[in-house]
Amino acid sequence: MASANSNAFVTFTLGTKVALSHHLDENPNSRRVSQSDKEVLIDWLTNPDRRPRSQEEFSRRNYVRKTFIWDEGSQTLLAIPKRDGGKNRVVITTDMIADIVEMVHEDNNHAGWDRTWEDISTSYYGILRSDVIFLLKQCQNQHCTQNPSKRPKDSAKAFTQSQQTDNQFIGLVNTEHLQFDNSALDLSEDGMNEGENFDWRTDSVC
C-alpha cells in the first residue's frame, strides 16, 4: 500500500509482510484470531441450534457471547468493551494485521509506535503491541527509519500513555473439535492487568 502522502515508497514491503508471518508463527498468542477461529466464533454467536456438549463448553460459549457480537448489518465481528465508555472494536484476523497497521500508521502521518498502538488498540481487536513494534521497525518512511519509536516533529503531540485494553482475552479455537486452547491466558503484555487469569480447564479465575 502506498503512503497517502507520497507514492515514492511503500510503508511495508512484501518482505516485511512475509517476515511478520514468520514472526506470528514463531510467537503464537491466544489474543490473535485466525480466520478459522473467526468462523467458529461467528457460528457460536449466530447459530442458536448449536448446543454445548459439556458444562465446560457451556461456560466457554457464555464467555464468547459476553466478549463478542456479530453485527449482521455490516457482517462484522466485534469485541465488546469491558469498561464503561469504551466502544466496540473490529476483530482483525492474523492475515489482516499488516494491512491494518499500515493503514493506521499512514493515517496518523507515521506517528511513533505509542501513538500507532493507541490508535489501533482503541479500534481493533486481535493485534498485539509487539506486532505493531515489529512492523514499525521496518517502516520505509524516513522518519521511521531514523527512529520508529518517535513521532515526526511536524505531527501532533504523542499520547502520554496507551489506553488499557481488555483484561481477559479469548483462547485459540480448535476448529476440528470446536474447543478452545485452554492454556492459561497471558495478560502481562501490552500493559494489561496482571495477576488474574481465566483458566478454561476449570472455568475459574486464578
N, C-alpha and C. Protein backbone atom coordinates (compact mmCIF):
# COMPACT_ATOMS: atom_id res chain seq x y z
N MET A 1 0.85 -1.20 0.00
CA MET A 1 0.00 0.00 0.00
C MET A 1 0.88 1.24 0.00
N ALA A 2 0.63 2.15 -0.93
CA ALA A 2 1.43 3.38 -0.98
C ALA A 2 0.96 4.35 0.07
N SER A 3 1.86 5.16 0.57
CA SER A 3 1.52 6.16 1.57
C SER A 3 0.54 7.17 1.00
N ALA A 4 -0.35 7.67 1.87
CA ALA A 4 -1.30 8.69 1.46
C ALA A 4 -0.58 9.99 1.12
N ASN A 5 0.63 10.19 1.66
CA ASN A 5 1.36 11.43 1.45
C ASN A 5 2.34 11.37 0.29
N SER A 6 2.68 10.16 -0.16
CA SER A 6 3.68 10.04 -1.21
C SER A 6 3.57 8.69 -1.88
N ASN A 7 3.79 8.67 -3.20
CA ASN A 7 3.81 7.43 -3.93
C ASN A 7 5.24 6.95 -4.16
N ALA A 8 6.22 7.62 -3.52
CA ALA A 8 7.62 7.31 -3.74
C ALA A 8 8.05 6.06 -3.00
N PHE A 9 7.29 5.64 -2.04
CA PHE A 9 7.67 4.47 -1.26
C PHE A 9 6.43 3.77 -0.74
N VAL A 10 6.61 2.54 -0.31
CA VAL A 10 5.55 1.82 0.38
C VAL A 10 5.94 1.77 1.85
N THR A 11 4.94 1.73 2.71
CA THR A 11 5.23 1.69 4.15
C THR A 11 5.86 0.37 4.54
N PHE A 12 5.24 -0.73 4.15
CA PHE A 12 5.77 -2.06 4.44
C PHE A 12 5.99 -2.80 3.13
N THR A 13 7.18 -3.29 2.93
CA THR A 13 7.47 -4.05 1.73
C THR A 13 6.89 -5.45 1.84
N LEU A 14 6.88 -6.15 0.72
CA LEU A 14 6.42 -7.54 0.72
C LEU A 14 7.28 -8.37 1.66
N GLY A 15 8.59 -8.08 1.68
CA GLY A 15 9.49 -8.79 2.58
C GLY A 15 9.12 -8.60 4.04
N THR A 16 8.69 -7.38 4.39
CA THR A 16 8.28 -7.11 5.76
C THR A 16 7.04 -7.92 6.13
N LYS A 17 6.10 -8.02 5.19
CA LYS A 17 4.87 -8.77 5.46
C LYS A 17 5.14 -10.27 5.58
N VAL A 18 6.09 -10.75 4.79
CA VAL A 18 6.49 -12.16 4.92
C VAL A 18 7.17 -12.38 6.26
N ALA A 19 8.02 -11.44 6.66
CA ALA A 19 8.71 -11.55 7.95
C ALA A 19 7.71 -11.53 9.10
N LEU A 20 6.64 -10.72 8.97
CA LEU A 20 5.61 -10.70 10.01
C LEU A 20 4.93 -12.06 10.11
N SER A 21 4.67 -12.69 8.99
CA SER A 21 4.04 -14.01 9.00
C SER A 21 4.89 -15.00 9.79
N HIS A 22 6.21 -14.96 9.59
CA HIS A 22 7.11 -15.82 10.35
C HIS A 22 7.11 -15.44 11.83
N HIS A 23 7.06 -14.14 12.09
CA HIS A 23 7.01 -13.66 13.48
C HIS A 23 5.78 -14.19 14.20
N LEU A 24 4.64 -14.17 13.54
CA LEU A 24 3.41 -14.66 14.15
C LEU A 24 3.48 -16.16 14.40
N ASP A 25 4.06 -16.90 13.45
CA ASP A 25 4.20 -18.35 13.61
C ASP A 25 5.12 -18.69 14.77
N GLU A 26 6.19 -17.91 14.92
CA GLU A 26 7.18 -18.20 15.95
C GLU A 26 6.78 -17.66 17.32
N ASN A 27 5.81 -16.75 17.35
CA ASN A 27 5.37 -16.14 18.62
C ASN A 27 3.85 -16.22 18.73
N PRO A 28 3.30 -17.42 18.86
CA PRO A 28 1.84 -17.56 18.94
C PRO A 28 1.30 -16.90 20.21
N ASN A 29 0.09 -16.40 20.12
CA ASN A 29 -0.55 -15.76 21.27
C ASN A 29 -2.05 -15.96 21.17
N SER A 30 -2.67 -16.30 22.28
CA SER A 30 -4.10 -16.60 22.27
C SER A 30 -4.97 -15.39 21.97
N ARG A 31 -4.39 -14.20 22.02
CA ARG A 31 -5.18 -12.99 21.73
C ARG A 31 -5.29 -12.70 20.25
N ARG A 32 -4.52 -13.39 19.43
CA ARG A 32 -4.69 -13.24 17.99
C ARG A 32 -5.81 -14.17 17.53
N VAL A 33 -6.43 -13.81 16.43
CA VAL A 33 -7.58 -14.56 15.92
C VAL A 33 -7.30 -14.96 14.47
N SER A 34 -7.26 -16.25 14.21
CA SER A 34 -7.08 -16.71 12.84
C SER A 34 -8.41 -16.66 12.09
N GLN A 35 -8.36 -16.84 10.79
CA GLN A 35 -9.60 -16.84 10.01
C GLN A 35 -10.50 -17.99 10.43
N SER A 36 -9.92 -19.16 10.71
CA SER A 36 -10.74 -20.29 11.15
C SER A 36 -11.32 -20.05 12.53
N ASP A 37 -10.55 -19.38 13.42
CA ASP A 37 -11.09 -19.01 14.73
C ASP A 37 -12.32 -18.13 14.55
N LYS A 38 -12.20 -17.14 13.69
CA LYS A 38 -13.28 -16.19 13.46
C LYS A 38 -14.55 -16.89 12.98
N GLU A 39 -14.38 -17.83 12.08
CA GLU A 39 -15.54 -18.55 11.55
C GLU A 39 -16.27 -19.32 12.64
N VAL A 40 -15.52 -19.93 13.55
CA VAL A 40 -16.15 -20.68 14.63
C VAL A 40 -16.82 -19.73 15.62
N LEU A 41 -16.18 -18.58 15.92
CA LEU A 41 -16.78 -17.60 16.81
C LEU A 41 -18.11 -17.11 16.25
N ILE A 42 -18.14 -16.82 14.97
CA ILE A 42 -19.37 -16.35 14.33
C ILE A 42 -20.45 -17.42 14.44
N ASP A 43 -20.06 -18.68 14.26
CA ASP A 43 -21.02 -19.77 14.36
C ASP A 43 -21.59 -19.87 15.77
N TRP A 44 -20.73 -19.69 16.77
CA TRP A 44 -21.20 -19.74 18.16
C TRP A 44 -22.17 -18.59 18.45
N LEU A 45 -21.95 -17.46 17.80
CA LEU A 45 -22.78 -16.28 18.06
C LEU A 45 -24.08 -16.28 17.26
N THR A 46 -24.11 -16.96 16.14
CA THR A 46 -25.26 -16.84 15.23
C THR A 46 -26.08 -18.11 15.09
N ASN A 47 -25.58 -19.21 15.60
CA ASN A 47 -26.29 -20.48 15.44
C ASN A 47 -26.98 -20.88 16.74
N PRO A 48 -28.27 -20.57 16.87
CA PRO A 48 -28.97 -20.89 18.12
C PRO A 48 -29.19 -22.38 18.31
N ASP A 49 -29.01 -23.15 17.26
CA ASP A 49 -29.22 -24.59 17.35
C ASP A 49 -28.00 -25.33 17.88
N ARG A 50 -26.86 -24.63 17.94
CA ARG A 50 -25.67 -25.29 18.49
C ARG A 50 -25.82 -25.42 20.00
N ARG A 51 -25.77 -26.63 20.49
CA ARG A 51 -25.92 -26.88 21.92
C ARG A 51 -24.59 -27.29 22.52
N PRO A 52 -24.23 -26.73 23.67
CA PRO A 52 -22.98 -27.14 24.33
C PRO A 52 -23.02 -28.62 24.66
N ARG A 53 -21.88 -29.27 24.47
CA ARG A 53 -21.81 -30.70 24.72
C ARG A 53 -21.32 -31.03 26.13
N SER A 54 -20.96 -30.01 26.88
CA SER A 54 -20.48 -30.21 28.24
C SER A 54 -20.64 -28.90 29.00
N GLN A 55 -20.51 -28.99 30.33
CA GLN A 55 -20.57 -27.78 31.15
C GLN A 55 -19.43 -26.84 30.80
N GLU A 56 -18.26 -27.42 30.50
CA GLU A 56 -17.11 -26.61 30.15
C GLU A 56 -17.38 -25.83 28.87
N GLU A 57 -17.94 -26.50 27.87
CA GLU A 57 -18.24 -25.81 26.62
C GLU A 57 -19.35 -24.79 26.81
N PHE A 58 -20.28 -25.06 27.71
CA PHE A 58 -21.33 -24.09 28.03
C PHE A 58 -20.71 -22.81 28.58
N SER A 59 -19.72 -22.95 29.47
CA SER A 59 -19.06 -21.78 30.04
C SER A 59 -18.28 -21.02 28.99
N ARG A 60 -17.63 -21.75 28.10
CA ARG A 60 -16.87 -21.11 27.04
C ARG A 60 -17.79 -20.31 26.12
N ARG A 61 -18.91 -20.93 25.75
CA ARG A 61 -19.85 -20.25 24.87
C ARG A 61 -20.38 -18.98 25.52
N ASN A 62 -20.70 -19.05 26.80
CA ASN A 62 -21.18 -17.86 27.51
C ASN A 62 -20.14 -16.76 27.52
N TYR A 63 -18.86 -17.16 27.69
CA TYR A 63 -17.79 -16.16 27.68
C TYR A 63 -17.69 -15.51 26.31
N VAL A 64 -17.78 -16.31 25.26
CA VAL A 64 -17.72 -15.77 23.90
C VAL A 64 -18.86 -14.78 23.68
N ARG A 65 -20.05 -15.11 24.13
CA ARG A 65 -21.21 -14.24 23.91
C ARG A 65 -21.14 -12.96 24.73
N LYS A 66 -20.37 -12.97 25.79
CA LYS A 66 -20.17 -11.76 26.58
C LYS A 66 -19.02 -10.91 26.05
N THR A 67 -18.19 -11.52 25.21
CA THR A 67 -16.98 -10.85 24.74
C THR A 67 -17.09 -10.35 23.32
N PHE A 68 -17.91 -11.02 22.49
CA PHE A 68 -18.03 -10.69 21.08
C PHE A 68 -19.49 -10.57 20.66
N ILE A 69 -19.72 -9.82 19.59
CA ILE A 69 -21.02 -9.76 18.96
C ILE A 69 -20.83 -9.82 17.44
N TRP A 70 -21.84 -10.30 16.76
CA TRP A 70 -21.82 -10.33 15.30
C TRP A 70 -22.80 -9.28 14.80
N ASP A 71 -22.28 -8.29 14.08
CA ASP A 71 -23.12 -7.24 13.50
C ASP A 71 -23.60 -7.73 12.15
N GLU A 72 -24.85 -8.13 12.11
CA GLU A 72 -25.41 -8.71 10.89
C GLU A 72 -25.44 -7.71 9.76
N GLY A 73 -25.76 -6.46 10.06
CA GLY A 73 -25.86 -5.44 9.03
C GLY A 73 -24.57 -5.20 8.29
N SER A 74 -23.48 -5.07 9.04
CA SER A 74 -22.17 -4.81 8.42
C SER A 74 -21.37 -6.08 8.20
N GLN A 75 -21.92 -7.23 8.67
CA GLN A 75 -21.21 -8.50 8.56
C GLN A 75 -19.83 -8.42 9.20
N THR A 76 -19.82 -7.88 10.43
CA THR A 76 -18.56 -7.63 11.13
C THR A 76 -18.58 -8.27 12.51
N LEU A 77 -17.48 -8.95 12.86
CA LEU A 77 -17.31 -9.49 14.20
C LEU A 77 -16.67 -8.42 15.06
N LEU A 78 -17.31 -8.13 16.21
CA LEU A 78 -16.85 -7.05 17.07
C LEU A 78 -16.55 -7.56 18.48
N ALA A 79 -15.54 -6.96 19.11
CA ALA A 79 -15.23 -7.23 20.51
C ALA A 79 -15.91 -6.18 21.36
N ILE A 80 -16.64 -6.64 22.39
CA ILE A 80 -17.39 -5.74 23.25
C ILE A 80 -16.46 -5.11 24.29
N PRO A 81 -16.58 -3.81 24.57
CA PRO A 81 -15.72 -3.18 25.58
C PRO A 81 -16.00 -3.73 26.97
N LYS A 82 -14.96 -3.85 27.77
CA LYS A 82 -15.10 -4.35 29.13
C LYS A 82 -15.43 -3.25 30.11
N ARG A 83 -15.20 -2.00 29.71
CA ARG A 83 -15.38 -0.88 30.63
C ARG A 83 -16.37 0.12 30.06
N ASP A 84 -17.04 0.83 30.95
CA ASP A 84 -17.97 1.87 30.53
C ASP A 84 -17.22 2.92 29.73
N GLY A 85 -17.87 3.41 28.70
CA GLY A 85 -17.26 4.45 27.89
C GLY A 85 -16.43 3.92 26.74
N GLY A 86 -16.20 2.60 26.71
CA GLY A 86 -15.45 2.02 25.61
C GLY A 86 -16.34 1.82 24.40
N LYS A 87 -15.74 1.41 23.31
CA LYS A 87 -16.52 1.18 22.10
C LYS A 87 -16.18 -0.20 21.54
N ASN A 88 -17.11 -0.71 20.75
CA ASN A 88 -16.86 -1.99 20.10
C ASN A 88 -15.65 -1.87 19.18
N ARG A 89 -14.85 -2.93 19.13
CA ARG A 89 -13.67 -2.94 18.28
C ARG A 89 -13.79 -4.04 17.23
N VAL A 90 -13.35 -3.74 16.04
CA VAL A 90 -13.41 -4.72 14.95
C VAL A 90 -12.38 -5.81 15.19
N VAL A 91 -12.81 -7.05 15.08
CA VAL A 91 -11.90 -8.18 15.24
C VAL A 91 -11.09 -8.37 13.95
N ILE A 92 -9.77 -8.34 14.09
CA ILE A 92 -8.87 -8.47 12.95
C ILE A 92 -8.22 -9.85 12.98
N THR A 93 -8.27 -10.55 11.86
CA THR A 93 -7.63 -11.85 11.78
C THR A 93 -6.15 -11.67 11.44
N THR A 94 -5.37 -12.70 11.69
CA THR A 94 -3.92 -12.61 11.56
C THR A 94 -3.48 -12.21 10.15
N ASP A 95 -4.24 -12.62 9.14
CA ASP A 95 -3.84 -12.30 7.77
C ASP A 95 -4.04 -10.83 7.42
N MET A 96 -4.74 -10.08 8.28
CA MET A 96 -5.01 -8.67 8.02
C MET A 96 -4.19 -7.73 8.89
N ILE A 97 -3.36 -8.27 9.80
CA ILE A 97 -2.63 -7.42 10.75
C ILE A 97 -1.77 -6.39 10.04
N ALA A 98 -0.96 -6.81 9.08
CA ALA A 98 -0.05 -5.89 8.40
C ALA A 98 -0.81 -4.79 7.68
N ASP A 99 -1.91 -5.12 7.01
CA ASP A 99 -2.68 -4.13 6.27
C ASP A 99 -3.31 -3.10 7.19
N ILE A 100 -3.82 -3.54 8.34
CA ILE A 100 -4.45 -2.61 9.28
C ILE A 100 -3.41 -1.70 9.91
N VAL A 101 -2.29 -2.25 10.35
CA VAL A 101 -1.24 -1.42 10.94
C VAL A 101 -0.73 -0.42 9.91
N GLU A 102 -0.57 -0.86 8.68
CA GLU A 102 -0.11 0.04 7.62
C GLU A 102 -1.09 1.18 7.40
N MET A 103 -2.37 0.87 7.32
CA MET A 103 -3.39 1.89 7.10
C MET A 103 -3.41 2.92 8.23
N VAL A 104 -3.39 2.43 9.48
CA VAL A 104 -3.44 3.33 10.64
C VAL A 104 -2.17 4.17 10.71
N HIS A 105 -1.04 3.55 10.46
CA HIS A 105 0.25 4.25 10.55
C HIS A 105 0.36 5.35 9.50
N GLU A 106 -0.17 5.11 8.33
CA GLU A 106 -0.17 6.15 7.29
C GLU A 106 -1.16 7.26 7.64
N ASP A 107 -2.33 6.88 8.17
CA ASP A 107 -3.35 7.88 8.51
C ASP A 107 -2.87 8.82 9.62
N ASN A 108 -2.03 8.33 10.54
CA ASN A 108 -1.55 9.21 11.61
C ASN A 108 -0.19 9.83 11.28
N ASN A 109 0.13 9.86 9.97
CA ASN A 109 1.32 10.54 9.48
C ASN A 109 2.60 9.94 10.06
N HIS A 110 2.63 8.60 10.11
CA HIS A 110 3.81 7.87 10.57
C HIS A 110 4.22 8.25 11.99
N ALA A 111 3.21 8.32 12.85
CA ALA A 111 3.50 8.55 14.27
C ALA A 111 4.28 7.37 14.83
N GLY A 112 4.87 7.56 15.99
CA GLY A 112 5.65 6.50 16.63
C GLY A 112 4.77 5.36 17.07
N TRP A 113 5.40 4.32 17.61
CA TRP A 113 4.61 3.13 17.91
C TRP A 113 3.66 3.32 19.09
N ASP A 114 3.93 4.25 20.00
CA ASP A 114 2.98 4.50 21.09
C ASP A 114 1.67 5.05 20.53
N ARG A 115 1.76 6.05 19.66
CA ARG A 115 0.56 6.63 19.08
C ARG A 115 -0.14 5.63 18.15
N THR A 116 0.64 4.92 17.36
CA THR A 116 0.04 3.95 16.45
C THR A 116 -0.67 2.85 17.23
N TRP A 117 -0.05 2.38 18.32
CA TRP A 117 -0.69 1.37 19.16
C TRP A 117 -1.97 1.92 19.78
N GLU A 118 -1.93 3.17 20.22
CA GLU A 118 -3.13 3.81 20.78
C GLU A 118 -4.26 3.80 19.77
N ASP A 119 -3.97 4.20 18.54
CA ASP A 119 -5.00 4.26 17.50
C ASP A 119 -5.54 2.88 17.17
N ILE A 120 -4.66 1.89 17.15
CA ILE A 120 -5.09 0.53 16.81
C ILE A 120 -5.87 -0.11 17.95
N SER A 121 -5.37 0.01 19.16
CA SER A 121 -5.99 -0.70 20.29
C SER A 121 -7.36 -0.16 20.65
N THR A 122 -7.66 1.07 20.27
CA THR A 122 -8.99 1.61 20.56
C THR A 122 -10.02 1.29 19.48
N SER A 123 -9.57 0.77 18.35
CA SER A 123 -10.48 0.49 17.24
C SER A 123 -10.50 -0.97 16.80
N TYR A 124 -9.42 -1.70 17.12
CA TYR A 124 -9.29 -3.07 16.60
C TYR A 124 -8.91 -4.04 17.71
N TYR A 125 -9.34 -5.28 17.53
CA TYR A 125 -9.04 -6.38 18.46
C TYR A 125 -8.31 -7.46 17.68
N GLY A 126 -7.25 -8.03 18.28
CA GLY A 126 -6.55 -9.13 17.63
C GLY A 126 -5.14 -8.77 17.20
N ILE A 127 -4.73 -7.53 17.45
CA ILE A 127 -3.38 -7.08 17.12
C ILE A 127 -2.65 -6.76 18.43
N LEU A 128 -1.46 -7.27 18.60
CA LEU A 128 -0.67 -7.02 19.80
C LEU A 128 0.24 -5.81 19.60
N ARG A 129 0.60 -5.19 20.71
CA ARG A 129 1.56 -4.09 20.66
C ARG A 129 2.88 -4.55 20.04
N SER A 130 3.29 -5.78 20.38
CA SER A 130 4.55 -6.30 19.83
C SER A 130 4.47 -6.45 18.32
N ASP A 131 3.28 -6.73 17.78
CA ASP A 131 3.12 -6.81 16.32
C ASP A 131 3.33 -5.42 15.69
N VAL A 132 2.79 -4.40 16.35
CA VAL A 132 2.93 -3.03 15.86
C VAL A 132 4.40 -2.62 15.84
N ILE A 133 5.10 -2.89 16.93
CA ILE A 133 6.51 -2.53 17.03
C ILE A 133 7.33 -3.27 15.98
N PHE A 134 7.05 -4.56 15.80
CA PHE A 134 7.77 -5.35 14.80
C PHE A 134 7.65 -4.71 13.43
N LEU A 135 6.45 -4.29 13.06
CA LEU A 135 6.23 -3.71 11.74
C LEU A 135 6.83 -2.31 11.61
N LEU A 136 6.64 -1.47 12.63
CA LEU A 136 7.12 -0.10 12.53
C LEU A 136 8.65 -0.02 12.49
N LYS A 137 9.32 -1.00 13.04
CA LYS A 137 10.78 -1.03 12.95
C LYS A 137 11.24 -1.20 11.51
N GLN A 138 10.34 -1.69 10.65
CA GLN A 138 10.69 -1.92 9.25
C GLN A 138 9.95 -1.00 8.30
N CYS A 139 9.32 0.06 8.84
CA CYS A 139 8.63 1.03 8.00
C CYS A 139 9.64 1.77 7.12
N GLN A 140 9.26 2.03 5.85
CA GLN A 140 10.17 2.64 4.89
C GLN A 140 10.17 4.18 4.94
N ASN A 141 9.27 4.78 5.72
CA ASN A 141 9.24 6.23 5.85
C ASN A 141 10.54 6.73 6.50
N GLN A 142 11.05 7.87 6.03
CA GLN A 142 12.35 8.36 6.52
C GLN A 142 12.34 8.65 8.02
N HIS A 143 11.22 9.15 8.56
CA HIS A 143 11.15 9.40 9.99
C HIS A 143 11.26 8.09 10.77
N CYS A 144 10.59 7.07 10.26
CA CYS A 144 10.58 5.79 10.97
C CYS A 144 11.92 5.08 10.86
N THR A 145 12.60 5.21 9.74
CA THR A 145 13.90 4.56 9.60
C THR A 145 14.92 5.19 10.54
N GLN A 146 14.72 6.47 10.89
CA GLN A 146 15.63 7.15 11.82
C GLN A 146 15.33 6.73 13.26
N ASN A 147 14.06 6.70 13.61
CA ASN A 147 13.66 6.29 14.96
C ASN A 147 12.18 5.94 14.96
N PRO A 148 11.83 4.65 14.81
CA PRO A 148 10.42 4.26 14.69
C PRO A 148 9.62 4.45 15.97
N SER A 149 10.30 4.68 17.11
CA SER A 149 9.56 4.82 18.37
C SER A 149 9.07 6.24 18.58
N LYS A 150 9.54 7.20 17.75
CA LYS A 150 9.17 8.60 17.94
C LYS A 150 8.30 9.10 16.80
N ARG A 151 7.58 10.18 17.08
CA ARG A 151 6.73 10.81 16.08
C ARG A 151 7.54 11.78 15.24
N PRO A 152 7.13 12.03 13.98
CA PRO A 152 7.73 13.13 13.22
C PRO A 152 7.54 14.45 13.94
N LYS A 153 8.47 15.38 13.82
CA LYS A 153 8.39 16.65 14.53
C LYS A 153 7.18 17.48 14.13
N ASP A 154 6.68 17.31 12.90
CA ASP A 154 5.59 18.15 12.44
C ASP A 154 4.21 17.55 12.69
N SER A 155 4.15 16.44 13.40
CA SER A 155 2.85 15.85 13.70
C SER A 155 2.43 16.17 15.12
N ALA A 156 1.21 15.85 15.45
CA ALA A 156 0.66 16.22 16.76
C ALA A 156 1.39 15.52 17.89
N LYS A 157 1.26 16.06 19.07
CA LYS A 157 1.95 15.52 20.24
C LYS A 157 1.46 14.11 20.54
N ALA A 158 2.40 13.25 20.87
CA ALA A 158 2.04 11.86 21.13
C ALA A 158 1.20 11.74 22.40
N PHE A 159 0.34 10.74 22.45
CA PHE A 159 -0.41 10.46 23.67
C PHE A 159 0.59 10.06 24.75
N THR A 160 0.31 10.44 25.99
CA THR A 160 1.25 10.15 27.05
C THR A 160 1.24 8.69 27.46
N GLN A 161 0.17 8.03 27.21
CA GLN A 161 0.14 6.60 27.53
C GLN A 161 -0.94 5.91 26.72
N SER A 162 -0.76 4.63 26.50
CA SER A 162 -1.74 3.86 25.73
C SER A 162 -2.93 3.51 26.61
N GLN A 163 -4.11 3.51 26.02
CA GLN A 163 -5.31 3.14 26.77
C GLN A 163 -5.27 1.67 27.11
N GLN A 164 -5.64 1.36 28.34
CA GLN A 164 -5.61 -0.03 28.77
C GLN A 164 -6.70 -0.80 28.05
N THR A 165 -6.35 -1.98 27.56
CA THR A 165 -7.32 -2.78 26.82
C THR A 165 -7.90 -3.88 27.70
N ASP A 166 -8.60 -4.80 27.08
CA ASP A 166 -9.33 -5.83 27.82
C ASP A 166 -8.45 -6.56 28.83
N ASN A 167 -9.05 -7.00 29.95
CA ASN A 167 -8.29 -7.74 30.94
C ASN A 167 -8.52 -9.24 30.82
N GLN A 168 -9.26 -9.61 29.82
CA GLN A 168 -9.40 -11.03 29.53
C GLN A 168 -9.50 -11.20 28.03
N PHE A 169 -8.93 -12.24 27.50
CA PHE A 169 -8.95 -12.47 26.07
C PHE A 169 -9.31 -13.91 25.78
N ILE A 170 -9.89 -14.10 24.62
CA ILE A 170 -10.35 -15.43 24.25
C ILE A 170 -9.18 -16.31 23.85
N GLY A 171 -9.25 -17.61 24.15
CA GLY A 171 -8.22 -18.56 23.74
C GLY A 171 -8.41 -18.96 22.29
N LEU A 172 -7.39 -19.59 21.74
CA LEU A 172 -7.48 -20.04 20.35
C LEU A 172 -8.52 -21.14 20.23
N VAL A 173 -9.21 -21.17 19.10
CA VAL A 173 -10.25 -22.17 18.88
C VAL A 173 -9.69 -23.35 18.11
N ASN A 174 -9.95 -24.54 18.59
CA ASN A 174 -9.61 -25.75 17.86
C ASN A 174 -10.78 -26.06 16.97
N THR A 175 -10.68 -25.76 15.69
CA THR A 175 -11.83 -25.85 14.81
C THR A 175 -12.26 -27.29 14.54
N GLU A 176 -11.36 -28.21 14.74
CA GLU A 176 -11.74 -29.60 14.49
C GLU A 176 -12.70 -30.10 15.55
N HIS A 177 -12.45 -29.74 16.81
CA HIS A 177 -13.29 -30.18 17.90
C HIS A 177 -14.17 -29.06 18.46
N LEU A 178 -14.06 -27.87 17.86
CA LEU A 178 -14.83 -26.72 18.29
C LEU A 178 -14.60 -26.43 19.76
N GLN A 179 -13.35 -26.53 20.17
CA GLN A 179 -12.98 -26.23 21.55
C GLN A 179 -11.81 -25.28 21.54
N PHE A 180 -11.58 -24.64 22.68
CA PHE A 180 -10.52 -23.66 22.79
C PHE A 180 -9.25 -24.28 23.32
N ASP A 181 -8.13 -23.65 22.95
CA ASP A 181 -6.86 -23.95 23.59
C ASP A 181 -6.95 -23.39 24.99
N ASN A 182 -6.94 -24.27 26.00
CA ASN A 182 -7.25 -23.84 27.36
C ASN A 182 -6.05 -23.47 28.19
N SER A 183 -4.93 -23.20 27.56
CA SER A 183 -3.77 -22.75 28.32
C SER A 183 -4.10 -21.44 29.01
N ALA A 184 -3.49 -21.22 30.17
CA ALA A 184 -3.79 -20.00 30.93
C ALA A 184 -3.54 -18.77 30.08
N LEU A 185 -4.43 -17.82 30.16
CA LEU A 185 -4.31 -16.62 29.34
C LEU A 185 -3.23 -15.70 29.88
N ASP A 186 -2.38 -15.22 28.98
CA ASP A 186 -1.29 -14.34 29.37
C ASP A 186 -1.75 -12.90 29.26
N LEU A 187 -1.86 -12.22 30.39
CA LEU A 187 -2.35 -10.85 30.40
C LEU A 187 -1.26 -9.84 30.70
N SER A 188 0.00 -10.28 30.71
CA SER A 188 1.06 -9.40 31.16
C SER A 188 1.57 -8.45 30.09
N GLU A 189 1.37 -8.78 28.80
CA GLU A 189 1.92 -7.94 27.73
C GLU A 189 1.02 -6.75 27.47
N ASP A 190 1.63 -5.71 26.92
CA ASP A 190 0.92 -4.53 26.43
C ASP A 190 0.21 -3.75 27.53
N GLY A 191 0.69 -3.84 28.78
CA GLY A 191 0.10 -3.05 29.84
C GLY A 191 -1.20 -3.59 30.36
N MET A 192 -1.48 -4.88 30.16
CA MET A 192 -2.72 -5.46 30.67
C MET A 192 -2.63 -5.65 32.18
N ASN A 193 -3.78 -5.90 32.78
CA ASN A 193 -3.79 -6.22 34.20
C ASN A 193 -3.14 -7.58 34.41
N GLU A 194 -2.29 -7.68 35.43
CA GLU A 194 -1.65 -8.94 35.74
C GLU A 194 -2.30 -9.53 36.99
N GLY A 195 -2.06 -10.83 37.19
CA GLY A 195 -2.47 -11.46 38.43
C GLY A 195 -3.86 -12.06 38.39
N GLU A 196 -4.57 -11.96 37.26
CA GLU A 196 -5.90 -12.55 37.21
C GLU A 196 -6.10 -13.18 35.85
N ASN A 197 -5.94 -14.48 35.77
CA ASN A 197 -6.09 -15.21 34.53
C ASN A 197 -7.31 -16.12 34.61
N PHE A 198 -7.98 -16.28 33.47
CA PHE A 198 -9.12 -17.18 33.43
C PHE A 198 -8.65 -18.53 32.95
N ASP A 199 -8.82 -19.56 33.78
CA ASP A 199 -8.39 -20.91 33.44
C ASP A 199 -9.55 -21.66 32.81
N TRP A 200 -9.46 -21.88 31.50
CA TRP A 200 -10.57 -22.54 30.81
C TRP A 200 -10.72 -24.00 31.21
N ARG A 201 -9.68 -24.60 31.79
CA ARG A 201 -9.78 -26.01 32.17
C ARG A 201 -10.70 -26.19 33.37
N THR A 202 -10.69 -25.21 34.25
CA THR A 202 -11.53 -25.30 35.44
C THR A 202 -12.64 -24.28 35.46
N ASP A 203 -12.68 -23.42 34.38
CA ASP A 203 -13.68 -22.34 34.30
C ASP A 203 -13.66 -21.48 35.54
N SER A 204 -12.46 -21.14 36.00
CA SER A 204 -12.34 -20.32 37.19
C SER A 204 -11.28 -19.27 37.00
N VAL A 205 -11.34 -18.23 37.82
CA VAL A 205 -10.32 -17.18 37.81
C VAL A 205 -9.25 -17.56 38.80
N CYS A 206 -7.98 -17.48 38.36
CA CYS A 206 -6.88 -17.85 39.26
C CYS A 206 -5.86 -16.73 39.34
